[in-house]
C-alpha atoms as a PDB file:
ATOM      1  CA  UNK A   1       6.518  -5.136  -8.496  1.00  0.00           C
ATOM      2  CA  UNK A   2      10.300  -5.309  -8.124  1.00  0.00           C
ATOM      3  CA  UNK A   3      11.776  -7.698  -5.619  1.00  0.00           C
ATOM      4  CA  UNK A   4      15.206  -6.339  -4.706  1.00  0.00           C
ATOM      5  CA  UNK A   5      16.215  -9.518  -2.952  1.00  0.00           C
ATOM      6  CA  UNK A   6      15.565 -11.978  -5.786  1.00  0.00           C
ATOM      7  CA  UNK A   7      16.527  -9.293  -8.336  1.00  0.00           C
ATOM      8  CA  UNK A   8      13.617  -9.841 -10.679  1.00  0.00           C
ATOM      9  CA  UNK A   9      10.077  -8.635 -11.003  1.00  0.00           C
ATOM     10  CA  UNK A  10       7.264 -10.535  -9.396  1.00  0.00           C
ATOM     11  CA  UNK A  11       4.401 -10.189 -11.844  1.00  0.00           C
ATOM     12  CA  UNK A  12       1.279 -10.923  -9.867  1.00  0.00           C
ATOM     13  CA  UNK A  13      -1.830 -12.079 -11.684  1.00  0.00           C
ATOM     14  CA  UNK A  14      -3.883  -9.170 -10.314  1.00  0.00           C
ATOM     15  CA  UNK A  15      -1.383  -6.735 -11.863  1.00  0.00           C
ATOM     16  CA  UNK A  16      -2.344  -7.662 -15.412  1.00  0.00           C
ATOM     17  CA  UNK A  17      -5.513  -9.754 -15.382  1.00  0.00           C
ATOM     18  CA  UNK A  18      -7.786  -6.866 -16.309  1.00  0.00           C
ATOM     19  CA  UNK A  19      -5.489  -5.189 -18.799  1.00  0.00           C
ATOM     20  CA  UNK A  20      -6.539  -4.697 -22.392  1.00  0.00           C
ATOM     21  CA  UNK A  21      -4.648  -6.485 -25.154  1.00  0.00           C
ATOM     22  CA  UNK A  22      -3.581  -4.066 -27.864  1.00  0.00           C
ATOM     23  CA  UNK A  23      -2.310  -4.358 -31.394  1.00  0.00           C
ATOM     24  CA  UNK A  24       0.873  -2.537 -32.364  1.00  0.00           C
ATOM     25  CA  UNK A  25      -1.093   0.221 -34.102  1.00  0.00           C
ATOM     26  CA  UNK A  26      -3.377   0.802 -31.118  1.00  0.00           C
ATOM     27  CA  UNK A  27      -0.476   0.674 -28.678  1.00  0.00           C
ATOM     28  CA  UNK A  28       1.534   3.273 -30.579  1.00  0.00           C
ATOM     29  CA  UNK A  29      -1.468   5.569 -30.803  1.00  0.00           C
ATOM     30  CA  UNK A  30      -2.119   5.241 -27.072  1.00  0.00           C
ATOM     31  CA  UNK A  31       1.524   5.709 -26.049  1.00  0.00           C
ATOM     32  CA  UNK A  32       1.876   8.937 -27.993  1.00  0.00           C
ATOM     33  CA  UNK A  33      -0.750  10.494 -25.747  1.00  0.00           C
ATOM     34  CA  UNK A  34      -0.489   8.521 -22.508  1.00  0.00           C
ATOM     35  CA  UNK A  35       2.895   6.740 -22.130  1.00  0.00           C
ATOM     36  CA  UNK A  36       1.906   5.168 -18.792  1.00  0.00           C
ATOM     37  CA  UNK A  37      -1.275   3.540 -20.081  1.00  0.00           C
ATOM     38  CA  UNK A  38      -1.502  -0.046 -18.842  1.00  0.00           C
ATOM     39  CA  UNK A  39      -2.022  -2.670 -21.545  1.00  0.00           C
ATOM     40  CA  UNK A  40      -0.721  -5.987 -22.873  1.00  0.00           C
ATOM     41  CA  UNK A  41       1.050  -6.572 -26.183  1.00  0.00           C
ATOM     42  CA  UNK A  42       2.226  -9.875 -27.673  1.00  0.00           C
ATOM     43  CA  UNK A  43       5.916 -10.593 -28.156  1.00  0.00           C
ATOM     44  CA  UNK A  44       6.044  -9.845 -31.896  1.00  0.00           C
ATOM     45  CA  UNK A  45       4.333  -6.482 -31.505  1.00  0.00           C
ATOM     46  CA  UNK A  46       6.417  -5.746 -28.413  1.00  0.00           C
ATOM     47  CA  UNK A  47       9.638  -5.936 -30.438  1.00  0.00           C
ATOM     48  CA  UNK A  48       8.166  -3.602 -33.056  1.00  0.00           C
ATOM     49  CA  UNK A  49       6.829  -1.321 -30.342  1.00  0.00           C
ATOM     50  CA  UNK A  50      10.299  -0.869 -28.825  1.00  0.00           C
ATOM     51  CA  UNK A  51      11.649   0.147 -32.233  1.00  0.00           C
ATOM     52  CA  UNK A  52       8.817   2.477 -33.171  1.00  0.00           C
ATOM     53  CA  UNK A  53       8.432   4.232 -29.834  1.00  0.00           C
ATOM     54  CA  UNK A  54      11.934   4.142 -28.356  1.00  0.00           C
ATOM     55  CA  UNK A  55      14.079   3.617 -31.455  1.00  0.00           C
ATOM     56  CA  UNK A  56      15.703   0.423 -30.184  1.00  0.00           C
ATOM     57  CA  UNK A  57      16.035  -2.806 -32.156  1.00  0.00           C
ATOM     58  CA  UNK A  58      16.174  -6.073 -30.247  1.00  0.00           C
ATOM     59  CA  UNK A  59      16.068  -9.643 -31.506  1.00  0.00           C
ATOM     60  CA  UNK A  60      13.714 -12.245 -30.119  1.00  0.00           C
ATOM     61  CA  UNK A  61      16.735 -14.206 -28.883  1.00  0.00           C
ATOM     62  CA  UNK A  62      18.138 -11.283 -26.886  1.00  0.00           C
ATOM     63  CA  UNK A  63      14.694 -10.495 -25.530  1.00  0.00           C
ATOM     64  CA  UNK A  64      14.439 -14.039 -24.233  1.00  0.00           C
ATOM     65  CA  UNK A  65      17.972 -13.948 -22.823  1.00  0.00           C
ATOM     66  CA  UNK A  66      17.311 -10.770 -20.851  1.00  0.00           C
ATOM     67  CA  UNK A  67      14.356 -12.521 -19.216  1.00  0.00           C
ATOM     68  CA  UNK A  68      16.293 -15.693 -18.444  1.00  0.00           C
ATOM     69  CA  UNK A  69      18.005 -16.936 -15.263  1.00  0.00           C
ATOM     70  CA  UNK A  70      21.328 -16.586 -17.134  1.00  0.00           C
ATOM     71  CA  UNK A  71      20.951 -12.819 -16.954  1.00  0.00           C
ATOM     72  CA  UNK A  72      19.302 -13.073 -13.533  1.00  0.00           C
ATOM     73  CA  UNK A  73      16.024 -11.804 -14.943  1.00  0.00           C
ATOM     74  CA  UNK A  74      17.413  -8.436 -16.002  1.00  0.00           C
ATOM     75  CA  UNK A  75      14.026  -7.994 -17.685  1.00  0.00           C
ATOM     76  CA  UNK A  76      10.925  -9.508 -16.079  1.00  0.00           C
ATOM     77  CA  UNK A  77       9.768 -12.650 -17.909  1.00  0.00           C
ATOM     78  CA  UNK A  78       6.648 -12.195 -20.069  1.00  0.00           C
ATOM     79  CA  UNK A  79       3.312 -13.354 -18.746  1.00  0.00           C
ATOM     80  CA  UNK A  80       1.145 -16.020 -20.354  1.00  0.00           C
ATOM     81  CA  UNK A  81      -2.577 -15.850 -20.909  1.00  0.00           C
ATOM     82  CA  UNK A  82      -4.650 -18.508 -22.625  1.00  0.00           C
ATOM     83  CA  UNK A  83      -1.958 -21.073 -23.290  1.00  0.00           C
ATOM     84  CA  UNK A  84       1.637 -20.473 -24.293  1.00  0.00           C
ATOM     85  CA  UNK A  85       1.342 -17.070 -25.945  1.00  0.00           C
ATOM     86  CA  UNK A  86       3.626 -14.488 -24.334  1.00  0.00           C
ATOM     87  CA  UNK A  87       2.526 -10.967 -23.490  1.00  0.00           C
ATOM     88  CA  UNK A  88       4.501  -7.972 -22.291  1.00  0.00           C
ATOM     89  CA  UNK A  89       3.206  -5.211 -20.064  1.00  0.00           C
ATOM     90  CA  UNK A  90       3.239  -1.503 -20.633  1.00  0.00           C
ATOM     91  CA  UNK A  91       4.696   0.413 -18.901  1.00  0.00           C
ATOM     92  CA  UNK A  92       6.595  -2.160 -16.814  1.00  0.00           C
ATOM     93  CA  UNK A  93       8.347  -4.097 -19.590  1.00  0.00           C
ATOM     94  CA  UNK A  94       8.607  -1.303 -22.157  1.00  0.00           C
ATOM     95  CA  UNK A  95      10.167   1.303 -19.892  1.00  0.00           C
ATOM     96  CA  UNK A  96      12.576  -1.087 -18.201  1.00  0.00           C
ATOM     97  CA  UNK A  97      13.786  -2.551 -21.508  1.00  0.00           C
ATOM     98  CA  UNK A  98      14.193   0.963 -22.931  1.00  0.00           C
ATOM     99  CA  UNK A  99      16.384   1.876 -19.948  1.00  0.00           C
ATOM    100  CA  UNK A 100      18.444  -1.317 -20.309  1.00  0.00           C
ATOM    101  CA  UNK A 101      19.056  -0.758 -24.027  1.00  0.00           C
ATOM    102  CA  UNK A 102      19.731   2.949 -23.518  1.00  0.00           C
ATOM    103  CA  UNK A 103      22.385   2.358 -20.855  1.00  0.00           C
ATOM    104  CA  UNK A 104      23.939  -0.527 -22.764  1.00  0.00           C
ATOM    105  CA  UNK A 105      24.035   0.891 -26.297  1.00  0.00           C
ATOM    106  CA  UNK A 106      24.357   4.634 -25.676  1.00  0.00           C
ATOM    107  CA  UNK A 107      26.277   4.730 -22.399  1.00  0.00           C
ATOM    108  CA  UNK A 108      28.197   1.466 -23.036  1.00  0.00           C
ATOM    109  CA  UNK A 109      27.307   0.204 -19.584  1.00  0.00           C
ATOM    110  CA  UNK A 110      27.778  -3.548 -19.021  1.00  0.00           C
ATOM    111  CA  UNK A 111      24.617  -5.547 -18.348  1.00  0.00           C
ATOM    112  CA  UNK A 112      25.885  -6.589 -14.925  1.00  0.00           C
ATOM    113  CA  UNK A 113      26.330  -2.934 -13.937  1.00  0.00           C
ATOM    114  CA  UNK A 114      22.903  -2.081 -15.341  1.00  0.00           C
ATOM    115  CA  UNK A 115      21.299  -4.794 -13.250  1.00  0.00           C
ATOM    116  CA  UNK A 116      23.004  -3.470 -10.122  1.00  0.00           C
ATOM    117  CA  UNK A 117      21.969   0.113 -10.890  1.00  0.00           C
ATOM    118  CA  UNK A 118      18.333  -0.803 -11.550  1.00  0.00           C
ATOM    119  CA  UNK A 119      18.235  -2.934  -8.428  1.00  0.00           C
ATOM    120  CA  UNK A 120      17.953   0.256  -6.375  1.00  0.00           C
ATOM    121  CA  UNK A 121      16.985   2.984  -8.844  1.00  0.00           C
ATOM    122  CA  UNK A 122      13.305   4.003  -8.401  1.00  0.00           C
ATOM    123  CA  UNK A 123      11.180   2.794 -11.315  1.00  0.00           C
ATOM    124  CA  UNK A 124       8.961   5.871 -11.349  1.00  0.00           C
ATOM    125  CA  UNK A 125      12.016   7.922 -12.334  1.00  0.00           C
ATOM    126  CA  UNK A 126      13.198   5.795 -15.274  1.00  0.00           C
ATOM    127  CA  UNK A 127      12.422   8.792 -17.485  1.00  0.00           C
ATOM    128  CA  UNK A 128      15.363  10.632 -15.909  1.00  0.00           C
ATOM    129  CA  UNK A 129      17.703   7.957 -17.289  1.00  0.00           C
ATOM    130  CA  UNK A 130      16.180   8.067 -20.768  1.00  0.00           C
ATOM    131  CA  UNK A 131      16.493  11.862 -20.960  1.00  0.00           C
ATOM    132  CA  UNK A 132      20.275  11.625 -20.547  1.00  0.00           C
ATOM    133  CA  UNK A 133      20.539  14.568 -18.172  1.00  0.00           C
ATOM    134  CA  UNK A 134      22.600  12.829 -15.507  1.00  0.00           C
ATOM    135  CA  UNK A 135      25.958  11.098 -15.750  1.00  0.00           C
ATOM    136  CA  UNK A 136      26.403   7.423 -14.919  1.00  0.00           C
ATOM    137  CA  UNK A 137      28.197   8.488 -11.734  1.00  0.00           C
ATOM    138  CA  UNK A 138      25.227  10.636 -10.709  1.00  0.00           C
ATOM    139  CA  UNK A 139      22.756   7.845 -11.480  1.00  0.00           C
ATOM    140  CA  UNK A 140      24.779   5.492  -9.286  1.00  0.00           C
ATOM    141  CA  UNK A 141      24.801   8.054  -6.483  1.00  0.00           C
ATOM    142  CA  UNK A 142      21.028   8.306  -6.656  1.00  0.00           C
ATOM    143  CA  UNK A 143      20.628   4.529  -6.622  1.00  0.00           C
ATOM    144  CA  UNK A 144      23.032   4.221  -3.703  1.00  0.00           C
ATOM    145  CA  UNK A 145      21.472   6.924  -1.545  1.00  0.00           C
ATOM    146  CA  UNK A 146      17.815   6.848  -2.568  1.00  0.00           C
ATOM    147  CA  UNK A 147      15.679   6.343   0.519  1.00  0.00           C
ATOM    148  CA  UNK A 148      18.080   8.131   2.866  1.00  0.00           C
ATOM    149  CA  UNK A 149      15.890  11.224   3.075  1.00  0.00           C
ATOM    150  CA  UNK A 150      16.694  12.483  -0.439  1.00  0.00           C
ATOM    151  CA  UNK A 151      14.494  12.677  -3.510  1.00  0.00           C
ATOM    152  CA  UNK A 152      15.430  12.783  -7.189  1.00  0.00           C
ATOM    153  CA  UNK A 153      14.565  16.476  -7.310  1.00  0.00           C
ATOM    154  CA  UNK A 154      17.166  17.181  -4.608  1.00  0.00           C
ATOM    155  CA  UNK A 155      19.889  15.849  -6.911  1.00  0.00           C
ATOM    156  CA  UNK A 156      18.472  17.707  -9.916  1.00  0.00           C
ATOM    157  CA  UNK A 157      18.051  21.016  -8.069  1.00  0.00           C
ATOM    158  CA  UNK A 158      21.613  20.732  -6.793  1.00  0.00           C
ATOM    159  CA  UNK A 159      22.869  20.096 -10.323  1.00  0.00           C
ATOM    160  CA  UNK A 160      20.877  23.051 -11.679  1.00  0.00           C
ATOM    161  CA  UNK A 161      22.207  25.338  -8.933  1.00  0.00           C
ATOM    162  CA  UNK A 162      25.794  24.373  -9.785  1.00  0.00           C
ATOM    163  CA  UNK A 163      25.179  25.112 -13.463  1.00  0.00           C
ATOM    164  CA  UNK A 164      23.562  28.484 -12.737  1.00  0.00           C
ATOM    165  CA  UNK A 165      26.341  29.545 -10.383  1.00  0.00           C
ATOM    166  CA  UNK A 166      28.885  28.559 -13.043  1.00  0.00           C
ATOM    167  CA  UNK A 167      27.466  31.414 -15.153  1.00  0.00           C
ATOM    168  CA  UNK A 168      28.859  33.956 -12.683  1.00  0.00           C
ATOM    169  CA  UNK A 169      30.960  36.422 -14.669  1.00  0.00           C
ATOM    170  CA  UNK A 170      33.230  37.366 -11.768  1.00  0.00           C
ATOM    171  CA  UNK A 171      35.437  34.366 -12.376  1.00  0.00           C
ATOM    172  CA  UNK A 172      35.894  33.811  -8.654  1.00  0.00           C
ATOM    173  CA  UNK A 173      36.126  30.075  -7.825  1.00  0.00           C
ATOM    174  CA  UNK A 174      32.986  28.776  -6.161  1.00  0.00           C
ATOM    175  CA  UNK A 175      35.015  27.272  -3.338  1.00  0.00           C
ATOM    176  CA  UNK A 176      36.287  30.736  -2.320  1.00  0.00           C
ATOM    177  CA  UNK A 177      32.834  32.322  -2.171  1.00  0.00           C
ATOM    178  CA  UNK A 178      30.903  32.407   1.081  1.00  0.00           C
ATOM    179  CA  UNK A 179      27.407  30.958   1.249  1.00  0.00           C
ATOM    180  CA  UNK A 180      25.650  34.334   0.948  1.00  0.00           C
ATOM    181  CA  UNK A 181      27.627  35.216  -2.181  1.00  0.00           C
ATOM    182  CA  UNK A 182      26.817  31.873  -3.779  1.00  0.00           C
ATOM    183  CA  UNK A 183      23.119  32.294  -2.996  1.00  0.00           C
ATOM    184  CA  UNK A 184      23.057  35.831  -4.430  1.00  0.00           C
ATOM    185  CA  UNK A 185      24.602  34.567  -7.658  1.00  0.00           C
ATOM    186  CA  UNK A 186      22.060  31.765  -7.785  1.00  0.00           C
ATOM    187  CA  UNK A 187      19.103  34.106  -7.199  1.00  0.00           C
ATOM    188  CA  UNK A 188      20.341  36.522  -9.871  1.00  0.00           C
ATOM    189  CA  UNK A 189      20.776  33.755 -12.424  1.00  0.00           C
ATOM    190  CA  UNK A 190      17.442  32.219 -11.465  1.00  0.00           C
ATOM    191  CA  UNK A 191      15.804  35.585 -12.244  1.00  0.00           C
ATOM    192  CA  UNK A 192      17.578  35.684 -15.613  1.00  0.00           C
ATOM    193  CA  UNK A 193      16.375  32.151 -16.295  1.00  0.00           C
ATOM    194  CA  UNK A 194      12.801  33.153 -15.480  1.00  0.00           C
ATOM    195  CA  UNK A 195      13.021  35.952 -18.052  1.00  0.00           C
ATOM    196  CA  UNK A 196      14.627  33.642 -20.610  1.00  0.00           C
ATOM    197  CA  UNK A 197      11.696  31.207 -20.374  1.00  0.00           C
ATOM    198  CA  UNK A 198       9.387  33.726 -22.045  1.00  0.00           C
ATOM    199  CA  UNK A 199      11.945  35.051 -24.522  1.00  0.00           C
ATOM    200  CA  UNK A 200      12.260  34.303 -28.230  1.00  0.00           C
ATOM    201  CA  UNK A 201      15.828  33.111 -27.618  1.00  0.00           C
ATOM    202  CA  UNK A 202      14.436  30.060 -25.873  1.00  0.00           C
ATOM    203  CA  UNK A 203      12.392  29.069 -28.903  1.00  0.00           C
ATOM    204  CA  UNK A 204      15.324  29.594 -31.248  1.00  0.00           C
ATOM    205  CA  UNK A 205      17.776  27.473 -29.275  1.00  0.00           C
ATOM    206  CA  UNK A 206      15.211  24.718 -28.651  1.00  0.00           C
ATOM    207  CA  UNK A 207      14.435  24.523 -32.361  1.00  0.00           C
ATOM    208  CA  UNK A 208      18.109  24.538 -33.311  1.00  0.00           C
ATOM    209  CA  UNK A 209      19.111  21.819 -30.829  1.00  0.00           C
ATOM    210  CA  UNK A 210      16.092  19.701 -31.702  1.00  0.00           C
ATOM    211  CA  UNK A 211      17.113  19.768 -35.357  1.00  0.00           C
ATOM    212  CA  UNK A 212      20.697  18.868 -34.407  1.00  0.00           C
ATOM    213  CA  UNK A 213      19.467  15.880 -32.387  1.00  0.00           C
ATOM    214  CA  UNK A 214      17.420  14.616 -35.338  1.00  0.00           C
ATOM    215  CA  UNK A 215      20.534  14.734 -37.499  1.00  0.00           C
ATOM    216  CA  UNK A 216      22.056  12.234 -35.088  1.00  0.00           C
END
């Protein structure tokens, strides 16, 4: 549970008391099929898990710092069961740390800005951040206005509609088109997109871009 006022997670005992403890091997196997499976993993395996599943490397020192008052609990502190051994929760710790490292290392976002963004960004949509389909500006807009009658899909549908209308071959600026003209363009392109989904061109471009991504 995220407490927006104290800016750190409140990990209640009932949230994790019945969760299964998993080894790294079991956790990786489970995550590949069900990423939101709830389980516990010790600190050593947690560090390896982040590297194997998300591709991020983090030192024990940095892991501890992120969960410290110095960083205002950017990452929730681990929980302790049966003495002093630390355990991390999936998906709460894994997904949040993946988002933090993604924004910091790939988007070069300062930790202070990340903390402010995640203070309001809905946790159930962390996957949107990790997929890199929105700009930092758009993510901030969502965080700022989430809860004002808008949903994530409203922002995404709007973005998709702008992209589809940009494919209009007439070359007429969108700002000079009336609403009916813009909607007709959108409907036409949406129909083309529907046809593209079942075409062999889709498979070719997906394969090509996937291979390019693996090259780095």
